[in-house]
């Protein structure tokens, strides 16, 4: 793999991000990056949040119904 990132490199990147962004903005940036990655993954897989909620509702209702 061309992107072999070890623990030392990861610590260096996190320290640089902390110095640049500051302790107050770092969690906000992490959350927004995570949400963006989730949206990208959902767009690639073709699922949306509404479809996931409908699927969960369907699964819950089928668990309640005795067979």
N, C-alpha and C. Protein backbone atom coordinates (compact mmCIF):
# COMPACT_ATOMS: atom_id res chain seq x y z
N UNK A 1 0.84 -1.18 0.00
CA UNK A 1 0.00 0.00 0.00
C UNK A 1 0.89 1.25 0.00
N UNK A 2 0.53 2.21 -0.80
CA UNK A 2 1.35 3.42 -0.84
C UNK A 2 1.13 4.33 0.36
N UNK A 3 0.02 4.19 1.08
CA UNK A 3 -0.28 5.06 2.21
C UNK A 3 -0.07 4.32 3.52
N UNK A 4 1.16 3.96 3.79
CA UNK A 4 1.48 3.25 5.02
C UNK A 4 1.75 4.28 6.11
N UNK A 5 0.75 4.52 6.97
CA UNK A 5 0.85 5.53 8.01
C UNK A 5 1.02 4.83 9.34
N UNK A 6 2.13 5.10 9.99
CA UNK A 6 2.41 4.50 11.28
C UNK A 6 1.90 5.38 12.41
N UNK A 7 2.07 4.90 13.64
CA UNK A 7 1.57 5.66 14.79
C UNK A 7 2.28 7.01 14.97
N UNK A 8 3.57 7.07 14.67
CA UNK A 8 4.31 8.32 14.81
C UNK A 8 3.80 9.38 13.83
N UNK A 9 3.56 8.99 12.58
CA UNK A 9 3.05 9.92 11.59
C UNK A 9 1.66 10.40 11.98
N UNK A 10 0.83 9.51 12.51
CA UNK A 10 -0.51 9.87 12.93
C UNK A 10 -0.48 10.88 14.07
N UNK A 11 0.41 10.69 15.03
CA UNK A 11 0.56 11.63 16.15
C UNK A 11 1.02 12.99 15.64
N UNK A 12 1.95 13.00 14.71
CA UNK A 12 2.44 14.27 14.16
C UNK A 12 1.32 15.02 13.45
N UNK A 13 0.52 14.33 12.67
CA UNK A 13 -0.59 14.97 11.96
C UNK A 13 -1.60 15.52 12.96
N UNK A 14 -1.91 14.77 14.01
CA UNK A 14 -2.88 15.23 15.00
C UNK A 14 -2.35 16.45 15.77
N UNK A 15 -1.07 16.47 16.09
CA UNK A 15 -0.50 17.62 16.79
C UNK A 15 -0.53 18.85 15.90
N UNK A 16 -0.19 18.69 14.63
CA UNK A 16 -0.24 19.83 13.70
C UNK A 16 -1.68 20.35 13.57
N UNK A 17 -2.65 19.43 13.46
CA UNK A 17 -4.06 19.84 13.37
C UNK A 17 -4.49 20.57 14.63
N UNK A 18 -4.04 20.12 15.79
CA UNK A 18 -4.39 20.78 17.05
C UNK A 18 -3.80 22.18 17.12
N UNK A 19 -2.56 22.34 16.65
CA UNK A 19 -1.91 23.65 16.68
C UNK A 19 -2.60 24.61 15.70
N UNK A 20 -2.94 24.13 14.52
CA UNK A 20 -3.55 24.99 13.50
C UNK A 20 -4.99 25.34 13.86
N UNK A 21 -5.80 24.35 14.24
CA UNK A 21 -7.23 24.57 14.47
C UNK A 21 -7.54 25.02 15.89
N UNK A 22 -6.78 24.56 16.84
CA UNK A 22 -7.06 24.90 18.23
C UNK A 22 -7.98 23.86 18.87
N UNK A 23 -8.00 23.83 20.18
CA UNK A 23 -8.77 22.79 20.87
C UNK A 23 -10.29 22.97 20.76
N UNK A 24 -10.76 24.18 20.47
CA UNK A 24 -12.20 24.39 20.38
C UNK A 24 -12.77 23.95 19.05
N UNK A 25 -12.04 24.19 17.97
CA UNK A 25 -12.55 23.87 16.64
C UNK A 25 -12.25 22.45 16.20
N UNK A 26 -11.29 21.80 16.81
CA UNK A 26 -10.89 20.46 16.37
C UNK A 26 -12.04 19.45 16.43
N UNK A 27 -12.84 19.37 17.51
CA UNK A 27 -13.97 18.43 17.51
C UNK A 27 -15.02 18.76 16.45
N UNK A 28 -15.25 20.04 16.20
CA UNK A 28 -16.22 20.43 15.18
C UNK A 28 -15.76 19.98 13.79
N UNK A 29 -14.48 20.17 13.52
CA UNK A 29 -13.94 19.77 12.22
C UNK A 29 -13.99 18.25 12.07
N UNK A 30 -13.65 17.53 13.14
CA UNK A 30 -13.73 16.07 13.09
C UNK A 30 -15.14 15.58 12.83
N UNK A 31 -16.11 16.21 13.48
CA UNK A 31 -17.50 15.81 13.29
C UNK A 31 -17.95 16.09 11.85
N UNK A 32 -17.58 17.24 11.32
CA UNK A 32 -18.00 17.57 9.96
C UNK A 32 -17.32 16.66 8.93
N UNK A 33 -16.08 16.29 9.18
CA UNK A 33 -15.40 15.35 8.28
C UNK A 33 -16.08 13.98 8.34
N UNK A 34 -16.44 13.54 9.54
CA UNK A 34 -17.14 12.26 9.68
C UNK A 34 -18.49 12.27 8.99
N UNK A 35 -19.24 13.36 9.12
CA UNK A 35 -20.53 13.46 8.44
C UNK A 35 -20.35 13.47 6.93
N UNK A 36 -19.33 14.15 6.45
CA UNK A 36 -19.06 14.17 5.02
C UNK A 36 -18.69 12.80 4.48
N UNK A 37 -17.88 12.08 5.24
CA UNK A 37 -17.51 10.73 4.82
C UNK A 37 -18.72 9.81 4.80
N UNK A 38 -19.62 9.94 5.80
CA UNK A 38 -20.82 9.13 5.86
C UNK A 38 -21.73 9.43 4.66
N UNK A 39 -21.91 10.72 4.34
CA UNK A 39 -22.72 11.09 3.20
C UNK A 39 -22.12 10.57 1.90
N UNK A 40 -20.81 10.65 1.78
CA UNK A 40 -20.14 10.14 0.59
C UNK A 40 -20.34 8.64 0.46
N UNK A 41 -20.19 7.91 1.56
CA UNK A 41 -20.39 6.46 1.53
C UNK A 41 -21.82 6.11 1.15
N UNK A 42 -22.79 6.85 1.71
CA UNK A 42 -24.18 6.59 1.38
C UNK A 42 -24.47 6.90 -0.08
N UNK A 43 -23.85 7.96 -0.60
CA UNK A 43 -24.06 8.30 -2.01
C UNK A 43 -23.47 7.23 -2.92
N UNK A 44 -22.34 6.69 -2.54
CA UNK A 44 -21.71 5.64 -3.35
C UNK A 44 -22.54 4.36 -3.33
N UNK A 45 -23.07 4.01 -2.14
CA UNK A 45 -23.84 2.77 -2.03
C UNK A 45 -25.27 2.93 -2.54
N UNK A 46 -25.72 4.17 -2.75
CA UNK A 46 -27.06 4.39 -3.28
C UNK A 46 -28.12 4.43 -2.20
N UNK A 47 -27.76 4.43 -0.96
CA UNK A 47 -28.73 4.50 0.12
C UNK A 47 -28.79 5.93 0.64
N UNK A 48 -29.97 6.27 1.15
CA UNK A 48 -30.11 7.57 1.79
C UNK A 48 -30.53 7.35 3.24
N UNK A 49 -30.53 8.40 4.02
CA UNK A 49 -30.90 8.30 5.42
C UNK A 49 -32.36 7.87 5.55
N UNK A 50 -33.23 8.37 4.66
CA UNK A 50 -34.64 8.01 4.71
C UNK A 50 -34.83 6.52 4.45
N UNK A 51 -34.08 5.97 3.50
CA UNK A 51 -34.18 4.54 3.22
C UNK A 51 -33.73 3.72 4.42
N UNK A 52 -32.68 4.16 5.10
CA UNK A 52 -32.20 3.45 6.28
C UNK A 52 -33.25 3.48 7.38
N UNK A 53 -33.90 4.64 7.59
CA UNK A 53 -34.93 4.74 8.62
C UNK A 53 -36.13 3.86 8.27
N UNK A 54 -36.52 3.82 6.98
CA UNK A 54 -37.63 2.96 6.56
C UNK A 54 -37.30 1.50 6.80
N UNK A 55 -36.05 1.12 6.51
CA UNK A 55 -35.63 -0.27 6.71
C UNK A 55 -35.64 -0.64 8.19
N UNK A 56 -35.19 0.26 9.04
CA UNK A 56 -35.19 0.01 10.48
C UNK A 56 -36.62 -0.12 10.99
N UNK A 57 -37.53 0.75 10.52
CA UNK A 57 -38.93 0.68 10.93
C UNK A 57 -39.54 -0.64 10.49
N UNK A 58 -39.23 -1.07 9.28
CA UNK A 58 -39.75 -2.34 8.78
C UNK A 58 -39.24 -3.51 9.61
N UNK A 59 -37.96 -3.49 9.95
CA UNK A 59 -37.40 -4.56 10.76
C UNK A 59 -38.01 -4.60 12.15
N UNK A 60 -38.22 -3.43 12.76
CA UNK A 60 -38.81 -3.38 14.10
C UNK A 60 -40.24 -3.89 14.08
N UNK A 61 -41.01 -3.52 13.06
CA UNK A 61 -42.40 -3.97 13.00
C UNK A 61 -42.49 -5.46 12.73
N UNK A 62 -41.54 -6.01 11.98
CA UNK A 62 -41.57 -7.45 11.71
C UNK A 62 -41.16 -8.24 12.95
N UNK A 63 -40.35 -7.64 13.83
CA UNK A 63 -39.97 -8.32 15.07
C UNK A 63 -41.15 -8.40 16.03
N UNK A 64 -42.03 -7.39 16.02
CA UNK A 64 -43.18 -7.38 16.91
C UNK A 64 -44.27 -8.33 16.48
N UNK A 65 -44.38 -8.57 15.19
CA UNK A 65 -45.43 -9.42 14.67
C UNK A 65 -45.08 -10.89 14.92
N UNK A 66 -45.94 -11.61 15.67
CA UNK A 66 -45.64 -13.03 15.90
C UNK A 66 -45.90 -13.85 14.63
N UNK A 67 -45.05 -14.82 14.37
CA UNK A 67 -45.19 -15.65 13.19
C UNK A 67 -45.70 -17.01 13.54
